[in-house]
Amino acid sequence: MLIGYVGWGADVEVACDYPSAYEVNLPLTGHLESRGRHGTVTSVAGQATIFRADTSSLISHWDATCTVLGVKFDRDWLDRGAERVLGAEPVRVAGVLPDQLRLDSGAGQDWRHLVTGLSSHMPDHRLFGDQPIVRQQLAGAVAAGFLLAGCPDLGRGPIVRPRAISRVVDAVRDDPARAWTAADMAAVAGTTVRRLQESFPEVGRLHADGPPRRCPVATCPRRPASAP
């Protein structure tokens, strides 16, 4: 995954393709006009244009004031991630992604905040340079956030049963040194990242509405004595 700023300082037209990569351009200023699958796509601040891997594209007007924050994903890496994050069949993400993504609310806005926050540290090239686990975690978070924002109708399913949640907790407890990602935990539960996230509070409510849990007296927390 790569993140970077691009601006030309002039009105330009750009014919481009992205071999083995998906490109997401977030205009910070000005506007970016391109030809999508279903017509002209014009993105401004609060929106993003998505360019598919191995597909010839035309940016028909990159205006002189337009600076974009670009995010590039390796095609195969993102496609593999989609299988785990969204529970999609092993097909290319290109078939389900929209031409444009709204970034002014909801999951899209959350993803924009994540990406812009990371980009603010780009001048420090040494950041986590000797910590590959951290870099992998951050890249995975950016990819998962993008997929969840761009494919809101995928990755949903029945509630994850409490037993599956317990498997996740046990797996993490048994291997605390592992750099666990949301996709890893979803795989243990046999579900998608989106459904796993939604199921934690739902399972919590089921326990809250059910009968009180029993625990040995020795392990139950003591309540402080009430004041006389």
Protein backbone atom coordinates (compact mmCIF):
# COMPACT_ATOMS: atom_id res chain seq x y z
CA MET A 1 0.00 0.00 0.00
CA LEU A 2 1.24 3.51 -0.88
CA ILE A 3 -0.04 6.92 0.23
CA GLY A 4 1.07 10.20 -1.36
CA TYR A 5 0.12 13.69 -2.49
CA VAL A 6 -0.11 14.64 -6.17
CA GLY A 7 -0.72 18.04 -7.79
CA TRP A 8 0.22 19.46 -11.20
CA GLY A 9 -0.29 23.21 -10.78
CA ALA A 10 -1.90 23.35 -14.24
CA ASP A 11 -5.03 22.13 -15.98
CA VAL A 12 -4.14 18.69 -17.35
CA GLU A 13 -5.69 15.63 -18.93
CA VAL A 14 -4.15 12.32 -17.90
CA ALA A 15 -4.52 8.95 -19.60
CA CYS A 16 -3.58 6.32 -17.08
CA ASP A 17 -3.85 2.72 -16.06
CA TYR A 18 -2.79 1.01 -12.89
CA PRO A 19 -1.10 -2.35 -13.53
CA SER A 20 -1.92 -4.76 -10.70
CA ALA A 21 -3.13 -1.93 -8.44
CA TYR A 22 -6.24 -0.06 -7.32
CA GLU A 23 -5.91 3.71 -7.05
CA VAL A 24 -8.11 5.91 -4.86
CA ASN A 25 -7.76 9.68 -5.33
CA LEU A 26 -9.12 12.04 -2.68
CA PRO A 27 -9.17 15.68 -3.85
CA LEU A 28 -8.17 18.05 -1.06
CA THR A 29 -8.67 21.16 -3.20
CA GLY A 30 -10.16 21.81 -6.64
CA HIS A 31 -11.86 19.07 -8.59
CA LEU A 32 -10.97 15.88 -10.43
CA GLU A 33 -13.05 14.86 -13.46
CA SER A 34 -12.74 11.41 -15.03
CA ARG A 35 -14.66 8.94 -17.14
CA GLY A 36 -16.19 6.13 -15.13
CA ARG A 37 -18.05 3.03 -16.20
CA HIS A 38 -21.37 4.86 -16.24
CA GLY A 39 -20.39 8.35 -17.32
CA THR A 40 -18.46 11.35 -16.03
CA VAL A 41 -17.29 11.27 -12.42
CA THR A 42 -16.40 14.58 -10.77
CA SER A 43 -14.90 14.45 -7.29
CA VAL A 44 -14.20 17.32 -4.92
CA ALA A 45 -13.18 17.49 -1.26
CA GLY A 46 -15.28 14.98 0.69
CA GLN A 47 -15.33 12.51 -2.21
CA ALA A 48 -12.92 10.05 -3.79
CA THR A 49 -12.56 8.62 -7.29
CA ILE A 50 -11.73 4.92 -7.51
CA PHE A 51 -9.68 3.60 -10.43
CA ARG A 52 -9.69 -0.12 -11.08
CA ALA A 53 -6.65 -2.28 -11.53
CA ASP A 54 -5.47 -3.09 -15.05
CA THR A 55 -8.09 -0.78 -16.59
CA SER A 56 -7.32 2.13 -18.90
CA SER A 57 -8.77 5.33 -17.46
CA LEU A 58 -8.97 8.95 -18.53
CA ILE A 59 -8.78 11.84 -16.11
CA SER A 60 -10.37 14.37 -18.45
CA HIS A 61 -9.78 17.41 -16.23
CA TRP A 62 -7.38 17.68 -13.32
CA ASP A 63 -7.73 21.36 -12.56
CA ALA A 64 -4.79 23.58 -11.68
CA THR A 65 -5.90 24.00 -8.06
CA CYS A 66 -6.47 20.30 -7.44
CA THR A 67 -4.21 18.41 -5.06
CA VAL A 68 -5.16 14.82 -4.33
CA LEU A 69 -4.23 12.44 -1.58
CA GLY A 70 -3.73 9.15 -3.40
CA VAL A 71 -3.95 5.68 -1.90
CA LYS A 72 -2.72 2.74 -3.98
CA PHE A 73 -3.46 -0.89 -3.08
CA ASP A 74 -1.82 -3.94 -4.58
CA ARG A 75 -4.55 -5.74 -6.52
CA ASP A 76 -3.97 -9.28 -5.27
CA TRP A 77 -3.42 -8.16 -1.69
CA LEU A 78 -6.69 -6.19 -1.61
CA ASP A 79 -8.62 -8.98 -3.32
CA ARG A 80 -7.41 -11.47 -0.72
CA GLY A 81 -8.34 -9.04 2.03
CA ALA A 82 -11.85 -8.68 0.61
CA GLU A 83 -12.46 -12.40 1.00
CA ARG A 84 -11.82 -12.09 4.74
CA VAL A 85 -13.21 -8.61 5.44
CA LEU A 86 -16.36 -8.93 3.33
CA GLY A 87 -16.75 -12.68 3.08
CA ALA A 88 -16.82 -12.29 -0.70
CA GLU A 89 -16.12 -15.13 -3.06
CA PRO A 90 -12.59 -15.13 -4.48
CA VAL A 91 -13.32 -12.56 -7.19
CA ARG A 92 -11.76 -9.22 -7.93
CA VAL A 93 -12.85 -6.26 -5.86
CA ALA A 94 -13.15 -4.34 -9.14
CA GLY A 95 -16.53 -5.92 -9.72
CA VAL A 96 -18.10 -4.53 -6.53
CA LEU A 97 -16.39 -1.19 -5.94
CA PRO A 98 -18.18 2.01 -7.00
CA ASP A 99 -16.59 4.65 -9.24
CA GLN A 100 -16.89 7.24 -6.49
CA LEU A 101 -16.89 7.10 -2.70
CA ARG A 102 -18.50 9.62 -0.36
CA LEU A 103 -16.21 10.65 2.46
CA ASP A 104 -18.34 13.24 4.26
CA SER A 105 -20.21 10.89 6.60
CA GLY A 106 -20.32 7.40 8.06
CA ALA A 107 -17.71 4.77 7.25
CA GLY A 108 -16.32 6.86 4.38
CA GLN A 109 -15.60 9.78 6.69
CA ASP A 110 -13.97 7.47 9.23
CA TRP A 111 -11.72 6.07 6.52
CA ARG A 112 -10.78 9.57 5.30
CA HIS A 113 -9.79 10.58 8.83
CA LEU A 114 -7.62 7.48 9.13
CA VAL A 115 -5.84 8.09 5.83
CA THR A 116 -5.31 11.82 6.35
CA GLY A 117 -4.03 11.14 9.85
CA LEU A 118 -1.45 8.71 8.52
CA SER A 119 -0.48 11.03 5.68
CA SER A 120 0.34 13.80 8.14
CA HIS A 121 3.32 11.69 9.26
CA MET A 122 4.73 11.12 5.78
CA PRO A 123 7.61 13.63 6.18
CA ASP A 124 9.02 11.35 8.88
CA HIS A 125 10.23 8.48 6.71
CA ARG A 126 11.59 6.68 9.77
CA LEU A 127 8.17 6.29 11.41
CA PHE A 128 7.84 2.58 12.32
CA GLY A 129 10.65 1.89 9.87
CA ASP A 130 12.02 -0.88 12.07
CA GLN A 131 8.60 -2.20 13.16
CA PRO A 132 7.10 -4.21 10.28
CA ILE A 133 4.30 -5.58 12.47
CA VAL A 134 3.01 -2.06 13.10
CA ARG A 135 3.21 -1.19 9.40
CA GLN A 136 1.27 -4.33 8.51
CA GLN A 137 -1.41 -3.53 11.07
CA LEU A 138 -1.81 0.01 9.78
CA ALA A 139 -1.97 -1.12 6.15
CA GLY A 140 -4.56 -3.74 7.08
CA ALA A 141 -6.67 -1.13 8.88
CA VAL A 142 -6.59 1.20 5.85
CA ALA A 143 -7.59 -1.64 3.51
CA ALA A 144 -10.38 -2.94 5.77
CA GLY A 145 -11.77 0.56 6.30
CA PHE A 146 -11.78 1.18 2.55
CA LEU A 147 -13.55 -2.10 1.77
CA LEU A 148 -16.19 -1.57 4.45
CA ALA A 149 -16.86 1.96 3.22
CA GLY A 150 -16.85 1.07 -0.46
CA CYS A 151 -18.93 -2.12 -0.23
CA PRO A 152 -21.58 -1.38 2.44
CA ASP A 153 -23.92 -4.16 1.33
CA LEU A 154 -21.37 -6.96 1.52
CA GLY A 155 -20.06 -8.75 4.57
CA ARG A 156 -23.38 -8.93 6.39
CA GLY A 157 -24.85 -12.14 7.70
CA PRO A 158 -26.44 -13.72 10.75
CA ILE A 159 -25.30 -12.72 14.20
CA VAL A 160 -22.15 -14.46 15.36
CA ARG A 161 -23.07 -16.82 18.17
CA PRO A 162 -21.48 -16.33 21.61
CA ARG A 163 -19.57 -19.60 21.18
CA ALA A 164 -17.78 -18.17 18.13
CA ILE A 165 -16.92 -15.00 20.05
CA SER A 166 -15.48 -17.21 22.79
CA ARG A 167 -13.27 -18.94 20.21
CA VAL A 168 -11.85 -15.57 19.22
CA VAL A 169 -11.19 -14.58 22.83
CA ASP A 170 -9.55 -17.94 23.55
CA ALA A 171 -7.38 -17.75 20.42
CA VAL A 172 -6.13 -14.28 21.31
CA ARG A 173 -5.48 -15.33 24.90
CA ASP A 174 -3.57 -18.44 23.76
CA ASP A 175 -1.36 -16.47 21.34
CA PRO A 176 -0.97 -12.96 22.77
CA ALA A 177 2.30 -12.32 20.92
CA ARG A 178 0.64 -12.63 17.52
CA ALA A 179 -0.09 -9.41 15.63
CA TRP A 180 -3.82 -10.06 15.46
CA THR A 181 -5.85 -8.22 12.83
CA ALA A 182 -9.61 -7.91 12.58
CA ALA A 183 -9.48 -10.22 9.54
CA ASP A 184 -7.58 -12.86 11.53
CA MET A 185 -10.17 -12.79 14.32
CA ALA A 186 -13.04 -12.94 11.84
CA ALA A 187 -11.48 -16.04 10.29
CA VAL A 188 -11.36 -17.73 13.71
CA ALA A 189 -15.04 -16.91 14.25
CA GLY A 190 -15.94 -18.10 10.76
CA THR A 191 -17.48 -14.78 9.74
CA THR A 192 -16.61 -11.42 8.21
CA VAL A 193 -14.96 -8.42 9.83
CA ARG A 194 -18.13 -6.35 9.48
CA ARG A 195 -20.32 -8.98 11.13
CA LEU A 196 -17.80 -9.64 13.86
CA GLN A 197 -17.73 -5.93 14.72
CA GLU A 198 -21.52 -5.79 14.79
CA SER A 199 -21.84 -8.97 16.83
CA PHE A 200 -19.77 -7.97 19.86
CA PRO A 201 -22.34 -5.45 21.16
CA GLU A 202 -25.22 -7.73 20.13
CA VAL A 203 -23.78 -10.67 22.04
CA GLY A 204 -23.25 -8.35 24.98
CA ARG A 205 -26.93 -7.39 24.92
CA LEU A 206 -27.95 -11.06 24.78
CA HIS A 207 -25.96 -11.72 27.95
CA ALA A 208 -27.41 -8.61 29.59
CA ASP A 209 -30.97 -9.71 28.80
CA GLY A 210 -30.40 -13.32 29.86
CA PRO A 211 -30.15 -14.89 33.30
CA PRO A 212 -27.40 -13.65 35.62
CA ARG A 213 -24.09 -15.40 35.25
CA ARG A 214 -22.84 -17.56 38.13
CA CYS A 215 -19.27 -17.38 39.32
CA PRO A 216 -17.38 -18.90 42.23
CA VAL A 217 -17.36 -16.71 45.31
CA ALA A 218 -13.56 -16.65 45.23
CA THR A 219 -13.50 -15.02 41.77
CA CYS A 220 -16.43 -12.64 42.11
CA PRO A 221 -15.47 -9.01 42.78
CA ARG A 222 -16.48 -7.80 46.20
CA ARG A 223 -18.79 -4.84 46.46
CA PRO A 224 -17.63 -2.08 48.76
CA ALA A 225 -19.52 -1.96 52.00
CA SER A 226 -22.21 0.72 52.06
CA ALA A 227 -21.68 3.63 54.35
CA PRO A 228 -23.77 3.54 57.58
